[in-house]
Amino acid sequence: MHDRHYGEDHDGNRCIRVRHHVPPCSRYVGAFKSRATIELRSAITANAIRAGVTATRAAQKIPGYESLEQGAERRNPSGRLTTPDDVARALVVLSHPDTAWITGNVIGVDGGEDVVM
C-alpha cells in the first residue's frame, strides 16, 4: 500500500492523502476520519482519495496483479483502469478554495469501479 501526502495549499488549509486499494471498512479509513476531525479544529480540510486499480510500477509488483487488472477492467463501467492523471485531476479539484466545505471524506476516483463490485 502506498500512502502519499500531498502538501498543503498556499493558505495551509488542505490535507489530501492518496491510498491505493483501500477497502472501505479498513482501519485506515477509521484512522483517517479521526485525523480529519482533529484537522477540522484548525480549519484544515482533510480528504482521502481511494484510487481504483491503477497500472503503476508499484502495483505491477503485486503478486497476481494481472488478474486484479483484468477484473477491474471487466467490472469498471468505463472498461478501463484508473490512470495517474485521473487521480491528479481529483487532487487539483480538491485543492481549489471552493471545495473548503468538502472535508472528512474518502473519495473514490475509480470511474465507478467500486460501485459495481
C-alpha atoms as a PDB file:
ATOM      1  CA  MET A   1       0.000   0.000   0.000  1.00  0.00           C
ATOM      2  CA  HIS A   2       1.195   3.456  -0.785  1.00  0.00           C
ATOM      3  CA  ASP A   3       0.138   6.446   1.241  1.00  0.00           C
ATOM      4  CA  ARG A   4       1.231   9.788  -0.113  1.00  0.00           C
ATOM      5  CA  HIS A   5       0.682  13.149   1.497  1.00  0.00           C
ATOM      6  CA  TYR A   6       0.268  15.967  -0.953  1.00  0.00           C
ATOM      7  CA  GLY A   7       1.245  19.187   0.810  1.00  0.00           C
ATOM      8  CA  GLU A   8      -0.936  21.990   1.867  1.00  0.00           C
ATOM      9  CA  ASP A   9      -2.018  24.812  -0.377  1.00  0.00           C
ATOM     10  CA  HIS A  10      -0.704  28.374  -0.051  1.00  0.00           C
ATOM     11  CA  ASP A  11      -3.093  29.106   2.825  1.00  0.00           C
ATOM     12  CA  GLY A  12      -2.013  25.977   4.677  1.00  0.00           C
ATOM     13  CA  ASN A  13      -5.554  24.612   4.895  1.00  0.00           C
ATOM     14  CA  ARG A  14      -5.556  21.488   2.734  1.00  0.00           C
ATOM     15  CA  CYS A  15      -4.523  17.947   3.579  1.00  0.00           C
ATOM     16  CA  ILE A  16      -5.050  15.351   0.851  1.00  0.00           C
ATOM     17  CA  ARG A  17      -3.908  11.750   1.143  1.00  0.00           C
ATOM     18  CA  VAL A  18      -3.920   9.177  -1.615  1.00  0.00           C
ATOM     19  CA  ARG A  19      -4.028   5.483  -0.863  1.00  0.00           C
ATOM     20  CA  HIS A  20      -4.449   2.750  -3.452  1.00  0.00           C
ATOM     21  CA  HIS A  21      -6.727  -0.264  -2.977  1.00  0.00           C
ATOM     22  CA  VAL A  22      -8.111   0.521   0.463  1.00  0.00           C
ATOM     23  CA  PRO A  23     -11.222  -1.441   1.423  1.00  0.00           C
ATOM     24  CA  PRO A  24     -13.925   0.878   2.805  1.00  0.00           C
ATOM     25  CA  CYS A  25     -14.039  -0.996   6.130  1.00  0.00           C
ATOM     26  CA  SER A  26     -10.321  -0.841   6.755  1.00  0.00           C
ATOM     27  CA  ARG A  27      -8.643   0.553   9.854  1.00  0.00           C
ATOM     28  CA  TYR A  28      -7.077   3.179   7.600  1.00  0.00           C
ATOM     29  CA  VAL A  29     -10.461   4.807   6.984  1.00  0.00           C
ATOM     30  CA  GLY A  30     -11.187   4.996  10.718  1.00  0.00           C
ATOM     31  CA  ALA A  31      -7.757   6.464  11.445  1.00  0.00           C
ATOM     32  CA  PHE A  32      -8.173   8.959   8.617  1.00  0.00           C
ATOM     33  CA  LYS A  33     -11.571  10.135   9.852  1.00  0.00           C
ATOM     34  CA  SER A  34     -10.126  10.626  13.343  1.00  0.00           C
ATOM     35  CA  ARG A  35      -7.344  12.725  11.843  1.00  0.00           C
ATOM     36  CA  ALA A  36      -9.848  14.729   9.784  1.00  0.00           C
ATOM     37  CA  THR A  37     -11.772  15.540  12.972  1.00  0.00           C
ATOM     38  CA  ILE A  38      -8.597  16.873  14.588  1.00  0.00           C
ATOM     39  CA  GLU A  39      -7.733  18.900  11.471  1.00  0.00           C
ATOM     40  CA  LEU A  40     -11.202  20.489  11.446  1.00  0.00           C
ATOM     41  CA  ARG A  41     -10.442  22.161  14.750  1.00  0.00           C
ATOM     42  CA  SER A  42      -7.632  24.006  12.971  1.00  0.00           C
ATOM     43  CA  ALA A  43      -9.790  24.918   9.949  1.00  0.00           C
ATOM     44  CA  ILE A  44      -7.855  22.445   7.781  1.00  0.00           C
ATOM     45  CA  THR A  45      -9.845  20.340   5.340  1.00  0.00           C
ATOM     46  CA  ALA A  46      -8.796  16.708   5.091  1.00  0.00           C
ATOM     47  CA  ASN A  47      -9.893  14.261   2.424  1.00  0.00           C
ATOM     48  CA  ALA A  48      -8.535  10.929   1.257  1.00  0.00           C
ATOM     49  CA  ILE A  49      -8.603   9.611  -2.279  1.00  0.00           C
ATOM     50  CA  ARG A  50      -9.257   5.929  -2.819  1.00  0.00           C
ATOM     51  CA  ALA A  51      -7.985   5.339  -6.315  1.00  0.00           C
ATOM     52  CA  GLY A  52      -9.195   2.456  -8.431  1.00  0.00           C
ATOM     53  CA  VAL A  53      -6.805  -0.127  -9.831  1.00  0.00           C
ATOM     54  CA  THR A  54      -4.029   1.915 -11.419  1.00  0.00           C
ATOM     55  CA  ALA A  55      -1.279   0.463 -13.617  1.00  0.00           C
ATOM     56  CA  THR A  56       1.782   1.780 -11.804  1.00  0.00           C
ATOM     57  CA  ARG A  57       5.194   0.152 -11.414  1.00  0.00           C
ATOM     58  CA  ALA A  58       4.458  -0.474  -7.742  1.00  0.00           C
ATOM     59  CA  ALA A  59       1.059  -2.060  -8.445  1.00  0.00           C
ATOM     60  CA  GLN A  60       2.527  -4.303 -11.128  1.00  0.00           C
ATOM     61  CA  LYS A  61       4.819  -5.855  -8.486  1.00  0.00           C
ATOM     62  CA  ILE A  62       1.842  -7.190  -6.534  1.00  0.00           C
ATOM     63  CA  PRO A  63       1.592 -10.974  -6.922  1.00  0.00           C
ATOM     64  CA  GLY A  64      -1.401 -11.729  -9.136  1.00  0.00           C
ATOM     65  CA  TYR A  65      -1.618  -8.140 -10.383  1.00  0.00           C
ATOM     66  CA  GLU A  66      -2.584  -9.251 -13.908  1.00  0.00           C
ATOM     67  CA  SER A  67      -5.719 -10.894 -12.547  1.00  0.00           C
ATOM     68  CA  LEU A  68      -6.529  -7.792 -10.489  1.00  0.00           C
ATOM     69  CA  GLU A  69      -6.117  -5.598 -13.574  1.00  0.00           C
ATOM     70  CA  GLN A  70      -8.273  -7.795 -15.785  1.00  0.00           C
ATOM     71  CA  GLY A  71     -11.029  -7.966 -13.182  1.00  0.00           C
ATOM     72  CA  ALA A  72     -11.011  -4.189 -12.754  1.00  0.00           C
ATOM     73  CA  GLU A  73     -11.213  -3.590 -16.498  1.00  0.00           C
ATOM     74  CA  ARG A  74     -14.082  -6.060 -16.780  1.00  0.00           C
ATOM     75  CA  ARG A  75     -16.027  -4.565 -13.833  1.00  0.00           C
ATOM     76  CA  ASN A  76     -15.414  -0.896 -14.495  1.00  0.00           C
ATOM     77  CA  PRO A  77     -18.365   0.707 -16.301  1.00  0.00           C
ATOM     78  CA  SER A  78     -15.863   2.624 -18.455  1.00  0.00           C
ATOM     79  CA  GLY A  79     -13.984  -0.561 -19.325  1.00  0.00           C
ATOM     80  CA  ARG A  80     -10.601   0.854 -18.326  1.00  0.00           C
ATOM     81  CA  LEU A  81      -8.288   1.271 -15.370  1.00  0.00           C
ATOM     82  CA  THR A  82      -7.826   4.409 -13.318  1.00  0.00           C
ATOM     83  CA  THR A  83      -4.872   6.446 -14.564  1.00  0.00           C
ATOM     84  CA  PRO A  84      -2.481   8.606 -12.554  1.00  0.00           C
ATOM     85  CA  ASP A  85      -3.947  11.578 -14.460  1.00  0.00           C
ATOM     86  CA  ASP A  86      -7.426  10.710 -13.148  1.00  0.00           C
ATOM     87  CA  VAL A  87      -6.075  10.909  -9.595  1.00  0.00           C
ATOM     88  CA  ALA A  88      -4.132  14.107 -10.337  1.00  0.00           C
ATOM     89  CA  ARG A  89      -7.284  15.793 -11.661  1.00  0.00           C
ATOM     90  CA  ALA A  90      -9.132  14.928  -8.443  1.00  0.00           C
ATOM     91  CA  LEU A  91      -6.269  16.413  -6.418  1.00  0.00           C
ATOM     92  CA  VAL A  92      -6.480  19.634  -8.419  1.00  0.00           C
ATOM     93  CA  VAL A  93     -10.228  19.867  -7.826  1.00  0.00           C
ATOM     94  CA  LEU A  94      -9.879  19.227  -4.071  1.00  0.00           C
ATOM     95  CA  SER A  95      -7.165  21.872  -3.826  1.00  0.00           C
ATOM     96  CA  HIS A  96      -9.494  24.592  -5.114  1.00  0.00           C
ATOM     97  CA  PRO A  97     -10.687  27.134  -2.498  1.00  0.00           C
ATOM     98  CA  ASP A  98     -14.329  26.480  -3.485  1.00  0.00           C
ATOM     99  CA  THR A  99     -14.055  22.967  -2.011  1.00  0.00           C
ATOM    100  CA  ALA A 100     -13.433  24.198   1.543  1.00  0.00           C
ATOM    101  CA  TRP A 101     -16.691  22.590   2.741  1.00  0.00           C
ATOM    102  CA  ILE A 102     -15.689  19.144   1.422  1.00  0.00           C
ATOM    103  CA  THR A 103     -13.855  17.519   4.305  1.00  0.00           C
ATOM    104  CA  GLY A 104     -13.548  14.239   6.174  1.00  0.00           C
ATOM    105  CA  ASN A 105     -14.349  12.153   3.112  1.00  0.00           C
ATOM    106  CA  VAL A 106     -12.811   9.163   1.417  1.00  0.00           C
ATOM    107  CA  ILE A 107     -13.399   9.987  -2.242  1.00  0.00           C
ATOM    108  CA  GLY A 108     -13.368   7.210  -4.806  1.00  0.00           C
ATOM    109  CA  VAL A 109     -11.552   8.064  -8.010  1.00  0.00           C
ATOM    110  CA  ASP A 110     -12.253   4.901  -9.941  1.00  0.00           C
ATOM    111  CA  GLY A 111     -14.777   5.592 -12.705  1.00  0.00           C
ATOM    112  CA  GLY A 112     -17.469   3.687 -10.800  1.00  0.00           C
ATOM    113  CA  GLU A 113     -15.380   0.542 -10.265  1.00  0.00           C
ATOM    114  CA  ASP A 114     -16.255   0.369  -6.553  1.00  0.00           C
ATOM    115  CA  VAL A 115     -19.977   0.816  -7.176  1.00  0.00           C
ATOM    116  CA  VAL A 116     -20.284  -2.369  -9.215  1.00  0.00           C
ATOM    117  CA  MET A 117     -18.023  -4.575  -7.062  1.00  0.00           C
END
